[in-house]
Amino acid sequence: MAGDQKARAKKEQMKGKAEETVGRAVGNERMTAEGRARKAKGDARQAKEKTKDTLKP
């Protein structure tokens, strides 16, 4: 299960980075902001999974 969540975090990070880059390229500030938000969500999920791994007995 944890591996699935880690993969999901990476996927969100990549999608967010791509969306942010495309938004910047076309001058769409809303798309850029949404991409940043998605990337931040992926970063948070990854941090949560790392914390869970650290706390495992």
N, C-alpha and C. Protein backbone atom coordinates (compact mmCIF):
# COMPACT_ATOMS: atom_id res chain seq x y z
N MET A 1 0.82 -1.19 0.00
CA MET A 1 0.00 0.00 0.00
C MET A 1 0.87 1.26 0.00
N ALA A 2 1.92 1.25 0.80
CA ALA A 2 2.77 2.44 0.88
C ALA A 2 3.44 2.72 -0.47
N GLY A 3 3.83 1.67 -1.17
CA GLY A 3 4.44 1.86 -2.49
C GLY A 3 3.48 2.51 -3.45
N ASP A 4 2.21 2.14 -3.35
CA ASP A 4 1.18 2.73 -4.19
C ASP A 4 1.04 4.22 -3.90
N GLN A 5 1.09 4.59 -2.64
CA GLN A 5 0.97 6.00 -2.25
C GLN A 5 2.20 6.80 -2.69
N LYS A 6 3.36 6.17 -2.60
CA LYS A 6 4.58 6.84 -3.04
C LYS A 6 4.54 7.09 -4.55
N ALA A 7 4.05 6.11 -5.29
CA ALA A 7 3.92 6.27 -6.74
C ALA A 7 2.91 7.36 -7.06
N ARG A 8 1.84 7.39 -6.31
CA ARG A 8 0.81 8.42 -6.51
C ARG A 8 1.38 9.82 -6.25
N ALA A 9 2.22 9.93 -5.22
CA ALA A 9 2.85 11.20 -4.90
C ALA A 9 3.75 11.66 -6.05
N LYS A 10 4.55 10.74 -6.57
CA LYS A 10 5.44 11.07 -7.68
C LYS A 10 4.65 11.49 -8.91
N LYS A 11 3.55 10.78 -9.16
CA LYS A 11 2.70 11.08 -10.31
C LYS A 11 2.12 12.49 -10.17
N GLU A 12 1.64 12.84 -8.98
CA GLU A 12 1.09 14.18 -8.75
C GLU A 12 2.16 15.24 -8.93
N GLN A 13 3.35 14.96 -8.44
CA GLN A 13 4.45 15.92 -8.58
C GLN A 13 4.78 16.15 -10.05
N MET A 14 4.87 15.08 -10.81
CA MET A 14 5.21 15.20 -12.23
C MET A 14 4.12 15.93 -13.01
N LYS A 15 2.86 15.58 -12.74
CA LYS A 15 1.75 16.24 -13.42
C LYS A 15 1.73 17.73 -13.08
N GLY A 16 1.96 18.04 -11.82
CA GLY A 16 1.97 19.43 -11.38
C GLY A 16 3.09 20.22 -12.04
N LYS A 17 4.26 19.64 -12.10
CA LYS A 17 5.41 20.31 -12.72
C LYS A 17 5.14 20.54 -14.20
N ALA A 18 4.57 19.54 -14.87
CA ALA A 18 4.27 19.68 -16.30
C ALA A 18 3.21 20.76 -16.52
N GLU A 19 2.17 20.75 -15.70
CA GLU A 19 1.10 21.74 -15.84
C GLU A 19 1.64 23.15 -15.58
N GLU A 20 2.50 23.28 -14.59
CA GLU A 20 3.10 24.58 -14.29
C GLU A 20 3.95 25.07 -15.47
N THR A 21 4.74 24.17 -16.04
CA THR A 21 5.60 24.52 -17.16
C THR A 21 4.79 24.94 -18.39
N VAL A 22 3.75 24.19 -18.70
CA VAL A 22 2.90 24.52 -19.85
C VAL A 22 2.20 25.85 -19.60
N GLY A 23 1.70 26.05 -18.39
CA GLY A 23 1.04 27.30 -18.05
C GLY A 23 1.96 28.49 -18.24
N ARG A 24 3.21 28.33 -17.82
CA ARG A 24 4.18 29.41 -18.00
C ARG A 24 4.45 29.65 -19.48
N ALA A 25 4.58 28.57 -20.24
CA ALA A 25 4.90 28.68 -21.66
C ALA A 25 3.82 29.41 -22.45
N VAL A 26 2.56 29.16 -22.09
CA VAL A 26 1.46 29.79 -22.83
C VAL A 26 0.97 31.07 -22.16
N GLY A 27 1.56 31.42 -21.02
CA GLY A 27 1.18 32.65 -20.34
C GLY A 27 -0.13 32.55 -19.59
N ASN A 28 -0.50 31.33 -19.17
CA ASN A 28 -1.75 31.11 -18.46
C ASN A 28 -1.44 31.00 -16.96
N GLU A 29 -1.68 32.10 -16.23
CA GLU A 29 -1.35 32.14 -14.81
C GLU A 29 -2.18 31.15 -13.99
N ARG A 30 -3.43 30.95 -14.38
CA ARG A 30 -4.28 30.01 -13.65
C ARG A 30 -3.73 28.59 -13.75
N MET A 31 -3.32 28.20 -14.95
CA MET A 31 -2.76 26.86 -15.14
C MET A 31 -1.46 26.71 -14.36
N THR A 32 -0.66 27.77 -14.35
CA THR A 32 0.59 27.75 -13.61
C THR A 32 0.32 27.55 -12.12
N ALA A 33 -0.66 28.27 -11.59
CA ALA A 33 -1.01 28.16 -10.17
C ALA A 33 -1.56 26.78 -9.85
N GLU A 34 -2.40 26.24 -10.72
CA GLU A 34 -2.95 24.91 -10.50
C GLU A 34 -1.84 23.86 -10.51
N GLY A 35 -0.88 24.04 -11.39
CA GLY A 35 0.26 23.12 -11.44
C GLY A 35 1.08 23.17 -10.17
N ARG A 36 1.31 24.38 -9.67
CA ARG A 36 2.04 24.53 -8.41
C ARG A 36 1.30 23.85 -7.27
N ALA A 37 -0.03 24.03 -7.25
CA ALA A 37 -0.84 23.42 -6.19
C ALA A 37 -0.79 21.90 -6.26
N ARG A 38 -0.87 21.36 -7.46
CA ARG A 38 -0.82 19.90 -7.62
C ARG A 38 0.54 19.36 -7.20
N LYS A 39 1.60 20.08 -7.56
CA LYS A 39 2.94 19.66 -7.17
C LYS A 39 3.09 19.71 -5.65
N ALA A 40 2.55 20.74 -5.03
CA ALA A 40 2.61 20.85 -3.57
C ALA A 40 1.86 19.71 -2.90
N LYS A 41 0.74 19.32 -3.49
CA LYS A 41 -0.03 18.20 -2.95
C LYS A 41 0.80 16.92 -3.02
N GLY A 42 1.48 16.72 -4.14
CA GLY A 42 2.36 15.56 -4.28
C GLY A 42 3.52 15.60 -3.30
N ASP A 43 4.07 16.79 -3.09
CA ASP A 43 5.16 16.94 -2.12
C ASP A 43 4.69 16.58 -0.71
N ALA A 44 3.48 17.03 -0.36
CA ALA A 44 2.92 16.75 0.96
C ALA A 44 2.67 15.25 1.13
N ARG A 45 2.15 14.62 0.10
CA ARG A 45 1.89 13.18 0.16
C ARG A 45 3.21 12.42 0.33
N GLN A 46 4.24 12.85 -0.39
CA GLN A 46 5.53 12.19 -0.29
C GLN A 46 6.12 12.36 1.11
N ALA A 47 5.99 13.55 1.67
CA ALA A 47 6.49 13.79 3.03
C ALA A 47 5.76 12.91 4.04
N LYS A 48 4.45 12.76 3.85
CA LYS A 48 3.65 11.91 4.74
C LYS A 48 4.16 10.47 4.68
N GLU A 49 4.40 9.97 3.47
CA GLU A 49 4.87 8.60 3.31
C GLU A 49 6.26 8.41 3.92
N LYS A 50 7.13 9.40 3.76
CA LYS A 50 8.47 9.31 4.36
C LYS A 50 8.37 9.27 5.88
N THR A 51 7.46 10.08 6.43
CA THR A 51 7.26 10.09 7.87
C THR A 51 6.75 8.74 8.35
N LYS A 52 5.80 8.18 7.62
CA LYS A 52 5.27 6.86 7.99
C LYS A 52 6.38 5.81 7.96
N ASP A 53 7.25 5.88 6.95
CA ASP A 53 8.35 4.92 6.86
C ASP A 53 9.32 5.08 8.04
N THR A 54 9.56 6.31 8.44
CA THR A 54 10.46 6.58 9.55
C THR A 54 9.90 6.04 10.86
N LEU A 55 8.59 6.13 11.02
CA LEU A 55 7.96 5.72 12.27
C LEU A 55 7.65 4.23 12.34
N LYS A 56 7.86 3.51 11.25
CA LYS A 56 7.61 2.06 11.25
C LYS A 56 8.57 1.37 12.22
N PRO A 57 8.06 0.39 12.95
CA PRO A 57 8.94 -0.33 13.89
C PRO A 57 9.92 -1.24 13.18
